[in-house]
Amino acid sequence: MAADEIRGTAQGSTPVPLSVLDLVTVGAGRTATDALRTSVELSRLAESRGFHRYWVAEHHSMPGVASSSPAVILAHLAAHTTRIRLGSGGVMLPNHAPLVIAEQFGTLEAMAPGRIDLGLGRAPGTDGATAAALRRTESVGQGADDFPEQLAELTRFLDDDFPDRHRYSRVHAVPGPIQGTSPGGVQSAHRPPVWLLGSSGFSARLAGSLGLPFAFAHHFSAQNTIPALDLYRESFKPSQALDAPYALIGVSALATDDEKEARRQILAAALNMVRLRTGRPGLVPTPEEAEAYEFSPMEREFIDSWNSNVIHGTADEVRSGLDDLHKRTGADELMITSHAHNSDLRLRSYELIADAYGLPRAQA
């Protein structure tokens, strides 16, 4: 695993590489099939405009989020793209046996050599009952304690290097490390780079101590962003993966041709979060439904707080907001997630952001 596979290169006038986080959201009146078709369109657009990587996130039991199986979606996207890096943002490791994840991402690496990222989280990505159903155990709170051990086991499977006397020494994740040939004719093993994801200090410290790249969920934990990044950098120890810290942050941003439309769309997305946080998950509502909804004072307070961290407006306003966020955090990469009920508006948002930064268009 080479550091240059992790570090991106800024394009156009971007201060750092820009990437895409896709939750495969399903709007009211639409289907999961529609959402997945949009993901294919968006991955192609991202590739053609020079975005560095494209990640999908694991969520469960949420009708408005059709990304319960990142590996399946990534295989589909790999078949429709040729260059952009694809990955999980992330796979929730406590929900799965490490061997299964090693096999899934080994298969993806075989399908799209050199393009796969394995981002790992320790949260369930759902409620407690669903987590218990996924894990076949009621001990859904053990993920944080067991995560380092699970991570170590997964890494051993990815590298196929358990010690001889280990109980798994004769167990192999197949496909395993892909054998490649360099221009000089040297054979080398290759497997997906591992990233740690987090929204607090736990994964930040662990990523730093292991010398791994770190992705922070600024889009839903903005108050913890700078403390977590500081902790990651302070904890960082050089490794075979990285010789210096590399921190990516996820940011919610929506660019539209009309600023008013941006406000309408983020209100609908925020109503969706209100319902999710109060145990009423559903499809992403329309802006009209959100405008007609009577928010309680507590809900209005949540909406105002939530939307204060969403960079939205015209393309120039979004660029200004992204540039300011980069200056405040020193992030090495910005991963943008755009939420809109209308899929065309989501696609348009990324086009407008690409145009604002002068990202090149791929030659046909």
Protein backbone atom coordinates (compact mmCIF):
# COMPACT_ATOMS: atom_id res chain seq x y z
CA MET A 1 0.00 0.00 0.00
CA ALA A 2 1.69 3.17 -1.18
CA ALA A 3 1.11 6.65 0.19
CA ASP A 4 0.53 8.05 -3.30
CA GLU A 5 -2.58 5.84 -3.55
CA ILE A 6 -4.01 7.74 -0.62
CA ARG A 7 -2.98 11.29 -1.37
CA GLY A 8 -4.94 13.02 -4.06
CA THR A 9 -3.87 15.81 -6.38
CA ALA A 10 -5.73 19.10 -6.46
CA GLN A 11 -7.28 19.92 -9.82
CA GLY A 12 -8.10 23.29 -11.37
CA SER A 13 -7.99 25.94 -8.65
CA THR A 14 -9.02 23.67 -5.78
CA PRO A 15 -6.87 24.10 -2.65
CA VAL A 16 -7.07 20.33 -2.03
CA PRO A 17 -8.58 17.36 -3.89
CA LEU A 18 -12.38 17.23 -3.97
CA SER A 19 -14.27 13.95 -3.65
CA VAL A 20 -17.85 12.67 -3.42
CA LEU A 21 -19.76 10.95 -0.62
CA ASP A 22 -22.98 9.32 -1.86
CA LEU A 23 -25.68 8.15 0.57
CA VAL A 24 -27.82 6.88 -2.34
CA THR A 25 -30.79 8.82 -0.99
CA VAL A 26 -34.34 7.96 -2.08
CA GLY A 27 -36.77 10.85 -2.39
CA ALA A 28 -40.52 10.67 -1.87
CA GLY A 29 -42.17 9.50 -5.08
CA ARG A 30 -39.01 7.72 -6.20
CA THR A 31 -37.54 4.24 -5.75
CA ALA A 32 -34.25 2.65 -4.76
CA THR A 33 -33.79 1.76 -8.43
CA ASP A 34 -34.02 5.46 -9.29
CA ALA A 35 -31.49 6.30 -6.57
CA LEU A 36 -29.00 3.70 -7.75
CA ARG A 37 -29.31 4.90 -11.34
CA THR A 38 -28.53 8.40 -10.10
CA SER A 39 -25.44 7.02 -8.35
CA VAL A 40 -24.18 5.63 -11.65
CA GLU A 41 -24.75 9.01 -13.31
CA LEU A 42 -23.06 10.82 -10.45
CA SER A 43 -20.03 8.52 -10.42
CA ARG A 44 -19.55 9.10 -14.14
CA LEU A 45 -19.94 12.84 -13.72
CA ALA A 46 -17.46 12.86 -10.82
CA GLU A 47 -14.94 10.92 -12.88
CA SER A 48 -15.35 13.16 -15.92
CA ARG A 49 -14.88 16.34 -13.86
CA GLY A 50 -11.79 15.28 -11.94
CA PHE A 51 -13.16 14.48 -8.48
CA HIS A 52 -10.61 12.27 -6.77
CA ARG A 53 -12.67 9.52 -5.12
CA TYR A 54 -16.28 8.37 -4.75
CA TRP A 55 -17.42 6.71 -1.54
CA VAL A 56 -20.71 5.18 -0.43
CA ALA A 57 -21.78 4.73 3.20
CA GLU A 58 -23.34 1.79 5.02
CA HIS A 59 -26.77 2.46 6.56
CA HIS A 60 -29.53 0.07 7.55
CA SER A 61 -33.29 0.13 8.08
CA MET A 62 -33.62 3.63 6.58
CA PRO A 63 -36.12 3.80 3.68
CA GLY A 64 -34.56 7.01 2.41
CA VAL A 65 -31.02 5.61 2.19
CA ALA A 66 -30.42 2.76 -0.28
CA SER A 67 -26.80 2.07 0.65
CA SER A 68 -27.11 -0.90 2.98
CA SER A 69 -24.54 -2.90 0.98
CA PRO A 70 -21.53 -0.76 -0.05
CA ALA A 71 -19.61 -3.64 -1.64
CA VAL A 72 -22.49 -4.46 -4.01
CA ILE A 73 -22.92 -0.82 -5.00
CA LEU A 74 -19.18 -0.35 -5.52
CA ALA A 75 -19.03 -3.37 -7.81
CA HIS A 76 -21.81 -1.82 -9.89
CA LEU A 77 -20.07 1.56 -10.02
CA ALA A 78 -16.75 -0.07 -10.92
CA ALA A 79 -18.42 -1.50 -14.01
CA HIS A 80 -19.51 1.99 -15.09
CA THR A 81 -16.28 3.91 -14.41
CA THR A 82 -12.64 3.50 -15.37
CA ARG A 83 -10.41 5.85 -13.34
CA ILE A 84 -12.00 7.37 -10.24
CA ARG A 85 -11.20 5.77 -6.88
CA LEU A 86 -14.17 3.96 -5.32
CA GLY A 87 -14.61 3.12 -1.69
CA SER A 88 -16.64 2.77 1.46
CA GLY A 89 -17.28 5.73 3.66
CA GLY A 90 -17.65 3.46 5.36
CA VAL A 91 -18.20 -0.17 6.12
CA MET A 92 -19.31 -0.51 9.74
CA LEU A 93 -16.85 -3.20 10.82
CA PRO A 94 -18.65 -4.35 14.01
CA ASN A 95 -21.59 -5.43 11.83
CA HIS A 96 -19.47 -7.95 9.90
CA ALA A 97 -16.93 -10.72 10.27
CA PRO A 98 -13.51 -9.35 9.24
CA LEU A 99 -12.99 -12.27 6.84
CA VAL A 100 -16.17 -11.35 4.96
CA ILE A 101 -15.01 -7.75 4.50
CA ALA A 102 -11.56 -8.93 3.36
CA GLU A 103 -13.19 -11.21 0.78
CA GLN A 104 -15.60 -8.54 -0.45
CA PHE A 105 -12.95 -5.87 -0.88
CA GLY A 106 -10.44 -8.36 -2.26
CA THR A 107 -13.04 -9.12 -4.91
CA LEU A 108 -13.53 -5.41 -5.60
CA GLU A 109 -9.78 -4.95 -5.89
CA ALA A 110 -9.68 -7.78 -8.43
CA MET A 111 -12.47 -6.09 -10.39
CA ALA A 112 -10.95 -2.61 -10.31
CA PRO A 113 -7.24 -2.95 -9.48
CA GLY A 114 -5.71 0.08 -7.79
CA ARG A 115 -9.02 1.95 -7.47
CA ILE A 116 -10.54 0.64 -4.23
CA ASP A 117 -10.51 2.25 -0.76
CA LEU A 118 -11.67 0.45 2.37
CA GLY A 119 -13.04 2.99 4.83
CA LEU A 120 -14.06 1.53 8.19
CA GLY A 121 -16.31 2.81 10.95
CA ARG A 122 -17.15 1.44 14.39
CA ALA A 123 -20.75 2.67 14.70
CA PRO A 124 -23.65 0.39 13.73
CA GLY A 125 -25.01 2.77 11.08
CA THR A 126 -28.51 2.16 12.42
CA ASP A 127 -30.59 1.73 15.58
CA GLY A 128 -29.89 -0.82 18.33
CA ALA A 129 -32.51 -3.37 17.25
CA THR A 130 -31.27 -3.40 13.66
CA ALA A 131 -27.67 -3.67 14.85
CA ALA A 132 -28.65 -6.71 16.94
CA ALA A 133 -30.32 -8.27 13.88
CA LEU A 134 -27.19 -7.66 11.81
CA ARG A 135 -24.79 -9.02 14.40
CA ARG A 136 -27.02 -11.82 15.75
CA THR A 137 -26.31 -10.60 19.26
CA GLU A 138 -27.82 -8.17 21.73
CA SER A 139 -24.35 -6.90 22.70
CA VAL A 140 -24.50 -4.02 20.26
CA GLY A 141 -22.42 -1.73 22.48
CA GLN A 142 -19.25 -3.79 22.25
CA GLY A 143 -18.11 -2.35 18.92
CA ALA A 144 -15.95 0.41 20.40
CA ASP A 145 -14.09 -1.96 22.68
CA ASP A 146 -13.63 -4.68 20.07
CA PHE A 147 -12.90 -2.42 17.12
CA PRO A 148 -9.07 -2.35 17.38
CA GLU A 149 -9.00 -6.15 17.62
CA GLN A 150 -11.39 -6.52 14.67
CA LEU A 151 -9.29 -4.06 12.68
CA ALA A 152 -6.09 -5.99 13.39
CA GLU A 153 -7.75 -9.25 12.30
CA LEU A 154 -9.09 -7.66 9.11
CA THR A 155 -5.66 -6.26 8.27
CA ARG A 156 -4.12 -9.72 8.70
CA PHE A 157 -6.69 -11.19 6.31
CA LEU A 158 -6.09 -8.39 3.78
CA ASP A 159 -2.33 -8.97 3.90
CA ASP A 160 -2.65 -12.76 4.20
CA ASP A 161 0.03 -12.79 6.90
CA PHE A 162 -1.25 -14.48 10.06
CA PRO A 163 1.63 -16.05 12.04
CA ASP A 164 2.18 -19.77 11.48
CA ARG A 165 0.66 -20.86 14.79
CA HIS A 166 -2.33 -18.55 14.68
CA ARG A 167 -5.69 -20.31 14.48
CA TYR A 168 -6.36 -18.51 11.19
CA SER A 169 -2.94 -19.16 9.63
CA ARG A 170 -4.47 -21.55 7.10
CA VAL A 171 -7.49 -19.35 6.38
CA HIS A 172 -7.15 -17.12 3.33
CA ALA A 173 -9.33 -14.28 2.09
CA VAL A 174 -9.86 -15.10 -1.57
CA PRO A 175 -9.32 -13.13 -3.72
CA GLY A 176 -6.35 -12.02 -1.65
CA PRO A 177 -3.57 -9.53 -2.28
CA ILE A 178 -3.47 -8.96 -6.02
CA GLN A 179 -0.13 -9.67 -7.66
CA GLY A 180 0.92 -6.88 -9.99
CA THR A 181 3.95 -6.21 -12.15
CA SER A 182 5.65 -2.84 -12.07
CA PRO A 183 7.14 -1.24 -15.20
CA GLY A 184 10.50 -2.61 -14.07
CA GLY A 185 9.14 -6.14 -13.96
CA VAL A 186 9.08 -6.39 -10.15
CA GLN A 187 6.26 -8.45 -8.67
CA SER A 188 4.41 -6.82 -5.79
CA ALA A 189 1.32 -7.56 -3.71
CA HIS A 190 -1.50 -5.05 -3.63
CA ARG A 191 -4.65 -4.64 -1.57
CA PRO A 192 -7.02 -1.73 -0.83
CA PRO A 193 -5.75 1.03 1.46
CA VAL A 194 -7.52 1.08 4.84
CA TRP A 195 -8.99 4.31 6.17
CA LEU A 196 -10.48 4.91 9.60
CA LEU A 197 -13.66 6.97 9.83
CA GLY A 198 -14.94 8.80 12.85
CA SER A 199 -16.99 11.61 14.38
CA SER A 200 -15.10 11.85 17.70
CA GLY A 201 -11.65 11.33 19.14
CA PHE A 202 -11.60 7.52 19.37
CA SER A 203 -10.93 6.76 15.70
CA ALA A 204 -8.81 9.90 15.33
CA ARG A 205 -6.37 8.67 17.96
CA LEU A 206 -6.41 5.10 16.65
CA ALA A 207 -5.82 6.19 13.05
CA GLY A 208 -2.92 8.35 14.16
CA SER A 209 -1.30 5.65 16.29
CA LEU A 210 -1.52 3.16 13.39
CA GLY A 211 -0.33 5.62 10.76
CA LEU A 212 -3.52 5.35 8.71
CA PRO A 213 -5.43 8.00 6.78
CA PHE A 214 -8.38 9.47 8.67
CA ALA A 215 -11.80 10.62 7.44
CA PHE A 216 -13.84 12.80 9.79
CA ALA A 217 -17.62 13.26 9.52
CA HIS A 218 -17.74 17.04 9.68
CA HIS A 219 -21.15 16.96 7.98
CA PHE A 220 -22.83 15.67 11.15
CA SER A 221 -20.31 16.40 13.90
CA ALA A 222 -18.93 19.82 13.02
CA GLN A 223 -18.25 20.84 16.62
CA ASN A 224 -15.73 17.99 16.95
CA THR A 225 -13.88 18.49 13.65
CA ILE A 226 -10.90 20.58 14.72
CA PRO A 227 -10.33 18.77 18.06
CA ALA A 228 -10.44 15.40 16.28
CA LEU A 229 -8.07 16.51 13.52
CA ASP A 230 -5.68 17.95 16.10
CA LEU A 231 -5.77 14.68 18.03
CA TYR A 232 -5.14 12.69 14.85
CA ARG A 233 -2.13 14.78 13.89
CA GLU A 234 -0.70 14.74 17.43
CA SER A 235 -1.11 10.95 17.63
CA PHE A 236 0.26 10.19 14.19
CA LYS A 237 3.13 7.72 13.82
CA PRO A 238 4.63 7.11 10.36
CA SER A 239 3.85 3.70 8.88
CA GLN A 240 4.20 1.76 5.65
CA ALA A 241 0.91 3.32 4.60
CA LEU A 242 1.76 6.95 5.31
CA ASP A 243 4.80 8.97 6.25
CA ALA A 244 2.71 11.97 7.35
CA PRO A 245 -0.91 12.53 8.45
CA TYR A 246 -3.61 12.66 5.79
CA ALA A 247 -7.04 13.85 6.92
CA LEU A 248 -10.17 14.01 4.81
CA ILE A 249 -13.38 15.62 6.03
CA GLY A 250 -16.91 14.98 4.84
CA VAL A 251 -18.86 18.19 4.23
CA SER A 252 -22.48 18.78 3.27
CA ALA A 253 -22.71 21.27 0.42
CA LEU A 254 -25.37 22.10 -2.15
CA ALA A 255 -24.86 24.50 -5.05
CA THR A 256 -27.80 25.65 -7.15
CA ASP A 257 -28.38 28.21 -9.88
CA ASP A 258 -30.83 29.96 -7.54
CA GLU A 259 -29.97 30.55 -3.88
CA LYS A 260 -33.63 30.27 -2.88
CA GLU A 261 -33.80 26.75 -4.31
CA ALA A 262 -30.79 25.74 -2.24
CA ARG A 263 -32.59 26.88 0.93
CA ARG A 264 -35.71 24.91 -0.06
CA GLN A 265 -33.73 21.73 -0.66
CA ILE A 266 -31.71 21.83 2.54
CA LEU A 267 -34.89 22.42 4.55
CA ALA A 268 -36.30 19.18 3.12
CA ALA A 269 -33.08 17.33 3.91
CA ALA A 270 -33.14 18.70 7.45
CA LEU A 271 -36.75 17.56 7.94
CA ASN A 272 -35.58 14.12 6.91
CA MET A 273 -32.96 14.26 9.68
CA VAL A 274 -35.57 15.41 12.22
CA ARG A 275 -37.66 12.37 11.42
CA LEU A 276 -34.65 10.07 11.56
CA ARG A 277 -33.49 11.43 14.91
CA THR A 278 -36.98 10.98 16.38
CA GLY A 279 -37.42 7.39 15.22
CA ARG A 280 -39.53 8.15 12.16
CA PRO A 281 -37.25 7.38 9.21
CA GLY A 282 -38.78 7.65 5.77
CA LEU A 283 -38.15 8.78 2.22
CA VAL A 284 -36.56 12.20 1.75
CA PRO A 285 -39.49 14.67 1.70
CA THR A 286 -40.12 17.16 -1.07
CA PRO A 287 -39.37 20.85 -0.51
CA GLU A 288 -43.11 21.50 -0.69
CA GLU A 289 -43.73 19.04 2.13
CA ALA A 290 -41.01 20.65 4.23
CA GLU A 291 -42.37 24.16 3.65
CA ALA A 292 -45.82 23.02 4.76
CA TYR A 293 -44.55 21.19 7.85
CA GLU A 294 -45.22 22.81 11.23
CA PHE A 295 -41.94 22.54 13.12
CA SER A 296 -42.04 22.57 16.89
CA PRO A 297 -39.69 25.03 18.64
CA MET A 298 -37.34 22.16 19.47
CA GLU A 299 -37.40 20.91 15.87
CA ARG A 300 -36.81 24.44 14.57
CA GLU A 301 -33.79 24.76 16.85
CA PHE A 302 -32.42 21.48 15.51
CA ILE A 303 -33.06 22.57 11.90
CA ASP A 304 -31.26 25.87 12.38
CA SER A 305 -28.28 24.14 14.00
CA TRP A 306 -28.12 21.42 11.37
CA ASN A 307 -28.36 23.75 8.39
CA SER A 308 -25.74 26.11 9.81
CA ASN A 309 -23.20 23.44 8.86
CA VAL A 310 -24.52 22.95 5.33
CA ILE A 311 -22.65 25.06 2.80
CA HIS A 312 -25.30 26.14 0.31
CA GLY A 313 -26.19 28.77 -2.24
CA THR A 314 -24.80 29.71 -5.61
CA ALA A 315 -21.64 28.10 -6.95
CA ASP A 316 -19.50 31.05 -5.87
CA GLU A 317 -21.01 31.01 -2.37
CA VAL A 318 -20.35 27.30 -2.02
CA ARG A 319 -16.79 27.68 -3.24
CA SER A 320 -16.22 30.45 -0.71
CA GLY A 321 -17.63 28.27 2.06
CA LEU A 322 -15.51 25.28 1.09
CA ASP A 323 -12.38 27.41 0.89
CA ASP A 324 -13.07 28.86 4.33
CA LEU A 325 -13.65 25.39 5.79
CA HIS A 326 -10.36 24.20 4.34
CA LYS A 327 -8.51 27.16 5.85
CA ARG A 328 -10.06 26.57 9.28
CA THR A 329 -9.39 22.83 9.40
CA GLY A 330 -6.30 22.32 7.27
CA ALA A 331 -7.95 19.20 5.81
CA ASP A 332 -5.98 17.42 3.09
CA GLU A 333 -9.13 16.58 1.13
CA LEU A 334 -12.79 17.64 1.08
CA MET A 335 -15.43 14.98 0.43
CA ILE A 336 -18.70 16.60 -0.57
CA THR A 337 -22.14 15.15 0.00
CA SER A 338 -25.01 17.02 -1.68
CA HIS A 339 -28.56 16.38 -0.50
CA ALA A 340 -31.54 17.30 -2.66
CA HIS A 341 -34.87 15.59 -3.23
CA ASN A 342 -34.47 16.10 -6.98
CA SER A 343 -31.71 13.92 -8.46
CA ASP A 344 -31.10 16.40 -11.28
CA LEU A 345 -30.36 19.08 -8.68
CA ARG A 346 -27.85 16.79 -6.97
CA LEU A 347 -26.04 16.20 -10.23
CA ARG A 348 -26.20 19.90 -11.04
CA SER A 349 -24.68 20.75 -7.66
CA TYR A 350 -21.51 18.81 -8.42
CA GLU A 351 -21.32 20.33 -11.90
CA LEU A 352 -21.59 23.83 -10.45
CA ILE A 353 -18.93 23.12 -7.82
CA ALA A 354 -16.63 21.70 -10.49
CA ASP A 355 -17.20 24.79 -12.64
CA ALA A 356 -16.56 27.13 -9.70
CA TYR A 357 -13.13 25.54 -9.24
CA GLY A 358 -12.37 25.25 -12.92
CA LEU A 359 -12.13 21.46 -12.81
CA PRO A 360 -11.31 20.13 -16.26
CA ARG A 361 -13.76 18.15 -18.33
CA ALA A 362 -12.52 14.76 -19.51
CA GLN A 363 -11.88 14.48 -23.20
CA ALA A 364 -14.45 12.33 -24.99
